């Protein structure tokens, strides 16, 4: 399966010297890189987009220009059937794969995934989860994900491993609520953030962190469902906040690919969902989050 990113930034942006492009959102990644398409409505949309993220303009400031550009159409979902992953690949293995191609991912991923929590001491398990969360992002020019490099480069991993990495990449990250007793390591989960029902597990999962909320990719395996890029949280983020942030990003990328589905965006830019959930948690329960990360596994 060959997967191309839906956007490529100009090489001068991808290879530029690191600098703070968005002082009001210092943890941002590619979404801080501005690519205008030339029309007045597009320029106005991007002005409003960056104004919203900087906090200088209210949510909804992009609505008028999104309508003019045809970006505000109904949200569509990926309805293709799921193929099971032959093996469950641990986050530690995925993070090692990513580090092989991006040696400084241990510095990049916490900012992009954990947001303000990246400024403190991060448990090793959380850092690995943040690296695994970035495994399918188009980080390598020209807009190629580290995992795509892994499965296509020699020496190649075993066939079962390659197939599983692809299946994990096809599963979008979601914020999940633990059902029942979350103090045990297995159980059922239900989505808090938006996702098509096809991607919601229909059975119990093993190896869950002991927390009421988890973020991750729910992957169908041959022996049942499992989570990849797992990050626990002690409180439920507001789903309105989560979904409106991803919707704003969906409108931005629809400028490049109008057929983009909700799941397409989350597969490649899932760190936006992770970071939004972490930012909400940082504003409402920062101490509880740190305690959760130290005791959830």
Protein backbone atom coordinates (compact mmCIF):
# COMPACT_ATOMS: atom_id res chain seq x y z
CA UNK A 1 0.00 0.00 0.00
CA UNK A 2 1.43 3.34 -1.05
CA UNK A 3 0.31 6.32 1.00
CA UNK A 4 1.09 9.90 0.03
CA UNK A 5 0.68 12.89 2.29
CA UNK A 6 -2.07 15.31 1.31
CA UNK A 7 0.26 18.30 1.56
CA UNK A 8 3.88 19.05 0.87
CA UNK A 9 5.52 22.17 2.21
CA UNK A 10 8.04 24.07 0.08
CA UNK A 11 11.53 22.73 0.66
CA UNK A 12 12.77 26.06 1.97
CA UNK A 13 10.27 25.71 4.84
CA UNK A 14 11.06 22.07 5.59
CA UNK A 15 14.80 22.72 5.61
CA UNK A 16 14.78 26.14 7.24
CA UNK A 17 16.77 26.97 10.36
CA UNK A 18 14.59 26.32 13.46
CA UNK A 19 12.91 29.42 14.80
CA UNK A 20 9.75 30.30 16.67
CA UNK A 21 7.12 30.87 14.00
CA UNK A 22 4.10 31.09 16.31
CA UNK A 23 4.98 32.71 19.66
CA UNK A 24 1.38 32.28 20.88
CA UNK A 25 1.52 28.54 20.10
CA UNK A 26 5.14 27.58 20.63
CA UNK A 27 4.43 23.84 20.69
CA UNK A 28 2.91 23.84 17.21
CA UNK A 29 4.47 21.97 14.33
CA UNK A 30 3.70 22.01 10.61
CA UNK A 31 0.47 23.89 11.21
CA UNK A 32 2.61 26.96 11.97
CA UNK A 33 3.99 26.93 8.41
CA UNK A 34 1.96 29.17 6.17
CA UNK A 35 1.22 28.15 2.58
CA UNK A 36 -1.10 30.60 0.77
CA UNK A 37 -2.83 29.53 -2.44
CA UNK A 38 -3.09 33.03 -3.90
CA UNK A 39 -6.76 34.02 -3.79
CA UNK A 40 -7.97 36.86 -1.50
CA UNK A 41 -10.41 34.50 0.21
CA UNK A 42 -7.64 31.99 0.90
CA UNK A 43 -5.37 34.69 2.32
CA UNK A 44 -8.23 35.92 4.52
CA UNK A 45 -8.92 32.36 5.69
CA UNK A 46 -5.29 31.85 6.68
CA UNK A 47 -5.21 35.21 8.47
CA UNK A 48 -8.26 34.15 10.46
CA UNK A 49 -6.83 30.65 11.04
CA UNK A 50 -3.64 31.97 12.60
CA UNK A 51 -5.60 34.58 14.52
CA UNK A 52 -7.75 31.86 16.10
CA UNK A 53 -4.72 29.78 17.09
CA UNK A 54 -2.99 32.85 18.53
CA UNK A 55 -6.08 33.76 20.55
CA UNK A 56 -6.42 37.17 18.91
CA UNK A 57 -9.58 36.19 17.02
CA UNK A 58 -12.56 34.15 18.23
CA UNK A 59 -13.53 30.66 17.15
CA UNK A 60 -15.69 30.97 14.06
CA UNK A 61 -13.58 33.75 12.55
CA UNK A 62 -12.75 31.45 9.65
CA UNK A 63 -16.38 30.55 8.88
CA UNK A 64 -17.08 33.25 6.28
CA UNK A 65 -13.96 32.50 4.26
CA UNK A 66 -14.31 28.73 4.64
CA UNK A 67 -17.77 29.04 3.09
CA UNK A 68 -16.45 31.09 0.17
CA UNK A 69 -13.76 28.49 -0.47
CA UNK A 70 -16.12 25.54 -0.10
CA UNK A 71 -14.25 24.17 2.91
CA UNK A 72 -17.21 23.94 5.28
CA UNK A 73 -18.98 21.01 3.66
CA UNK A 74 -20.15 17.99 5.67
CA UNK A 75 -17.50 15.94 7.44
CA UNK A 76 -16.93 12.70 5.57
CA UNK A 77 -15.57 9.45 6.97
CA UNK A 78 -13.45 6.62 5.65
CA UNK A 79 -15.77 3.63 5.20
CA UNK A 80 -13.24 1.13 3.85
CA UNK A 81 -13.21 -2.25 5.63
CA UNK A 82 -10.57 -2.78 8.29
CA UNK A 83 -7.85 -5.36 7.75
CA UNK A 84 -6.45 -7.01 10.89
CA UNK A 85 -2.86 -6.46 11.99
CA UNK A 86 -0.99 -9.78 12.25
CA UNK A 87 0.88 -8.73 15.43
CA UNK A 88 0.57 -6.02 18.07
CA UNK A 89 3.64 -3.78 17.79
CA UNK A 90 4.60 -2.18 21.15
CA UNK A 91 5.06 1.57 21.37
CA UNK A 92 8.69 1.01 22.42
CA UNK A 93 9.41 -0.74 19.11
CA UNK A 94 7.62 1.92 17.06
CA UNK A 95 9.46 4.74 18.84
CA UNK A 96 12.78 2.99 18.13
CA UNK A 97 11.83 2.75 14.45
CA UNK A 98 11.05 6.47 14.38
CA UNK A 99 14.31 7.34 16.13
CA UNK A 100 16.26 5.39 13.50
CA UNK A 101 15.09 7.89 10.89
CA UNK A 102 14.70 11.00 13.06
CA UNK A 103 17.35 10.84 15.81
CA UNK A 104 16.05 13.95 17.59
CA UNK A 105 12.43 12.73 17.71
CA UNK A 106 12.77 12.51 21.51
CA UNK A 107 12.98 16.30 21.52
CA UNK A 108 10.46 16.98 18.75
CA UNK A 109 7.63 14.63 19.70
CA UNK A 110 6.94 15.82 23.28
CA UNK A 111 6.40 19.40 22.08
CA UNK A 112 4.16 18.33 19.21
CA UNK A 113 2.15 15.75 21.20
CA UNK A 114 2.19 16.76 24.87
CA UNK A 115 2.12 20.54 24.43
CA UNK A 116 2.82 22.40 27.71
CA UNK A 117 3.58 19.16 29.57
CA UNK A 118 6.75 18.78 27.50
CA UNK A 119 8.38 21.52 29.57
CA UNK A 120 8.55 19.30 32.65
CA UNK A 121 9.95 15.89 33.56
CA UNK A 122 8.29 13.29 31.35
CA UNK A 123 8.11 9.60 32.31
CA UNK A 124 9.89 7.37 29.82
CA UNK A 125 6.66 5.57 28.89
CA UNK A 126 4.99 8.88 28.05
CA UNK A 127 7.94 9.99 25.93
CA UNK A 128 7.78 6.71 24.00
CA UNK A 129 4.05 7.21 23.44
CA UNK A 130 4.68 10.70 22.06
CA UNK A 131 7.28 9.33 19.64
CA UNK A 132 4.90 6.55 18.56
CA UNK A 133 2.18 9.18 18.04
CA UNK A 134 4.43 10.91 15.49
CA UNK A 135 5.36 7.72 13.62
CA UNK A 136 2.88 8.28 10.79
CA UNK A 137 3.29 12.06 10.44
CA UNK A 138 4.94 13.33 7.22
CA UNK A 139 8.18 14.37 8.93
CA UNK A 140 10.76 13.39 6.30
CA UNK A 141 11.04 15.48 3.11
CA UNK A 142 9.24 15.26 0.79
CA UNK A 143 6.34 14.68 3.23
CA UNK A 144 7.12 11.03 4.04
CA UNK A 145 6.41 9.39 7.41
CA UNK A 146 9.13 7.55 9.36
CA UNK A 147 7.09 4.33 9.28
CA UNK A 148 6.80 4.49 5.50
CA UNK A 149 10.59 4.64 5.37
CA UNK A 150 10.78 1.64 7.73
CA UNK A 151 8.52 -0.61 5.65
CA UNK A 152 10.10 0.38 2.32
CA UNK A 153 13.80 0.44 3.22
CA UNK A 154 16.26 -2.45 3.43
CA UNK A 155 16.78 -4.49 5.45
CA UNK A 156 13.02 -4.72 5.71
CA UNK A 157 11.26 -5.88 8.86
CA UNK A 158 9.44 -9.25 8.73
CA UNK A 159 6.29 -9.34 6.62
CA UNK A 160 3.98 -9.56 9.64
CA UNK A 161 5.66 -6.52 11.21
CA UNK A 162 5.39 -4.47 8.01
CA UNK A 163 1.72 -5.35 7.59
CA UNK A 164 1.00 -4.46 11.21
CA UNK A 165 2.74 -1.08 10.94
CA UNK A 166 0.59 -0.29 7.90
CA UNK A 167 -2.60 -1.35 9.70
CA UNK A 168 -1.68 0.81 12.69
CA UNK A 169 -1.18 3.73 10.33
CA UNK A 170 -4.67 3.25 8.92
CA UNK A 171 -6.24 3.49 12.39
CA UNK A 172 -6.90 7.11 13.43
CA UNK A 173 -6.05 8.30 16.95
CA UNK A 174 -9.07 8.96 19.16
CA UNK A 175 -9.69 10.12 22.72
CA UNK A 176 -11.35 7.18 24.49
CA UNK A 177 -13.33 6.78 27.70
CA UNK A 178 -12.68 3.65 29.75
CA UNK A 179 -15.91 1.79 30.49
CA UNK A 180 -16.44 -0.01 33.78
CA UNK A 181 -13.56 -0.35 36.24
CA UNK A 182 -10.65 1.59 34.76
CA UNK A 183 -8.30 0.51 37.57
CA UNK A 184 -7.70 -2.81 35.84
CA UNK A 185 -5.52 -3.42 32.78
CA UNK A 186 -8.25 -4.58 30.43
CA UNK A 187 -11.70 -3.43 29.45
CA UNK A 188 -13.87 -1.72 26.87
CA UNK A 189 -13.54 1.81 25.54
CA UNK A 190 -15.89 4.31 23.90
CA UNK A 191 -14.95 7.38 21.83
CA UNK A 192 -15.01 10.87 23.30
CA UNK A 193 -13.73 12.61 20.17
CA UNK A 194 -15.35 12.12 16.77
CA UNK A 195 -14.63 8.99 14.73
CA UNK A 196 -16.63 6.68 12.48
CA UNK A 197 -18.18 3.68 14.25
CA UNK A 198 -16.10 1.36 12.05
CA UNK A 199 -13.03 2.30 14.10
CA UNK A 200 -14.64 1.72 17.52
CA UNK A 201 -13.52 -1.56 19.16
CA UNK A 202 -16.26 -4.15 19.55
CA UNK A 203 -14.54 -6.16 22.31
CA UNK A 204 -12.33 -5.75 25.36
CA UNK A 205 -8.72 -4.65 25.01
CA UNK A 206 -5.79 -5.89 27.10
CA UNK A 207 -2.83 -3.87 28.28
CA UNK A 208 -4.73 -0.65 28.91
CA UNK A 209 -3.21 1.94 31.25
CA UNK A 210 -5.06 2.35 34.53
CA UNK A 211 -6.73 5.67 33.79
CA UNK A 212 -10.30 6.81 33.05
CA UNK A 213 -9.27 8.27 29.67
CA UNK A 214 -6.77 7.11 27.06
CA UNK A 215 -5.68 8.55 23.72
CA UNK A 216 -4.47 6.22 21.01
CA UNK A 217 -5.06 4.32 17.79
CA UNK A 218 -7.48 1.40 18.26
CA UNK A 219 -6.20 -1.31 15.92
CA UNK A 220 -7.99 -4.48 14.89
CA UNK A 221 -5.70 -7.46 15.37
CA UNK A 222 -6.07 -11.12 14.49
CA UNK A 223 -6.65 -11.91 18.19
CA UNK A 224 -8.74 -8.83 19.01
CA UNK A 225 -8.26 -5.10 19.33
CA UNK A 226 -5.25 -3.30 20.81
CA UNK A 227 -4.15 0.31 21.30
CA UNK A 228 -1.10 1.94 19.75
CA UNK A 229 0.52 5.24 20.79
CA UNK A 230 -1.26 5.09 24.14
CA UNK A 231 -1.38 8.14 26.40
CA UNK A 232 -3.49 8.05 29.61
CA UNK A 233 -5.34 11.04 31.09
CA UNK A 234 -7.11 11.41 34.45
CA UNK A 235 -9.99 13.57 33.19
CA UNK A 236 -12.16 13.74 30.07
CA UNK A 237 -11.31 16.68 27.77
CA UNK A 238 -14.26 18.64 26.44
CA UNK A 239 -15.28 16.92 23.16
CA UNK A 240 -16.47 20.26 21.74
CA UNK A 241 -12.94 21.66 22.13
CA UNK A 242 -11.35 18.55 20.61
CA UNK A 243 -13.65 18.33 17.59
CA UNK A 244 -13.65 22.03 16.72
CA UNK A 245 -9.83 22.08 16.70
CA UNK A 246 -9.63 19.09 14.38
CA UNK A 247 -12.44 20.55 12.24
CA UNK A 248 -10.45 23.76 11.84
CA UNK A 249 -7.43 21.75 10.72
CA UNK A 250 -9.61 19.72 8.36
CA UNK A 251 -10.78 22.93 6.69
CA UNK A 252 -7.21 24.11 6.33
CA UNK A 253 -6.09 20.91 4.59
CA UNK A 254 -9.20 20.73 2.43
CA UNK A 255 -7.64 23.68 0.60
CA UNK A 256 -5.11 21.14 -0.71
CA UNK A 257 -7.30 18.03 -0.91
CA UNK A 258 -11.11 18.60 -0.96
CA UNK A 259 -11.84 14.86 -0.61
CA UNK A 260 -10.02 14.62 2.72
CA UNK A 261 -11.91 12.60 5.32
CA UNK A 262 -11.87 13.04 9.08
CA UNK A 263 -9.85 9.85 9.49
CA UNK A 264 -7.37 10.85 6.75
CA UNK A 265 -6.47 13.96 8.71
CA UNK A 266 -6.11 12.15 12.03
CA UNK A 267 -3.89 9.46 10.53
CA UNK A 268 -1.24 11.93 9.44
CA UNK A 269 -1.82 14.84 11.81
CA UNK A 270 -3.02 13.00 14.90
CA UNK A 271 -0.63 14.95 17.12
CA UNK A 272 -3.06 17.87 16.90
CA UNK A 273 -5.70 15.81 18.71
CA UNK A 274 -3.17 14.64 21.30
CA UNK A 275 -1.89 18.14 21.94
CA UNK A 276 -5.36 19.69 22.15
CA UNK A 277 -6.36 17.10 24.77
CA UNK A 278 -3.13 17.77 26.70
CA UNK A 279 -3.63 21.54 26.52
CA UNK A 280 -7.16 21.20 27.88
CA UNK A 281 -5.87 18.93 30.67
CA UNK A 282 -3.04 21.35 31.46
CA UNK A 283 -5.58 24.13 31.95
CA UNK A 284 -7.93 22.05 34.12
CA UNK A 285 -5.97 19.32 35.97
CA UNK A 286 -2.19 19.63 35.53
CA UNK A 287 -1.17 17.94 38.78
CA UNK A 288 -3.59 15.05 38.24
CA UNK A 289 -2.10 14.43 34.79
CA UNK A 290 1.43 14.11 36.14
CA UNK A 291 0.27 11.73 38.86
CA UNK A 292 -1.62 9.70 36.27
CA UNK A 293 1.43 9.39 34.02
CA UNK A 294 3.54 8.13 36.92
CA UNK A 295 1.07 5.49 38.12
CA UNK A 296 -1.06 4.42 35.12
CA UNK A 297 1.22 1.55 34.04
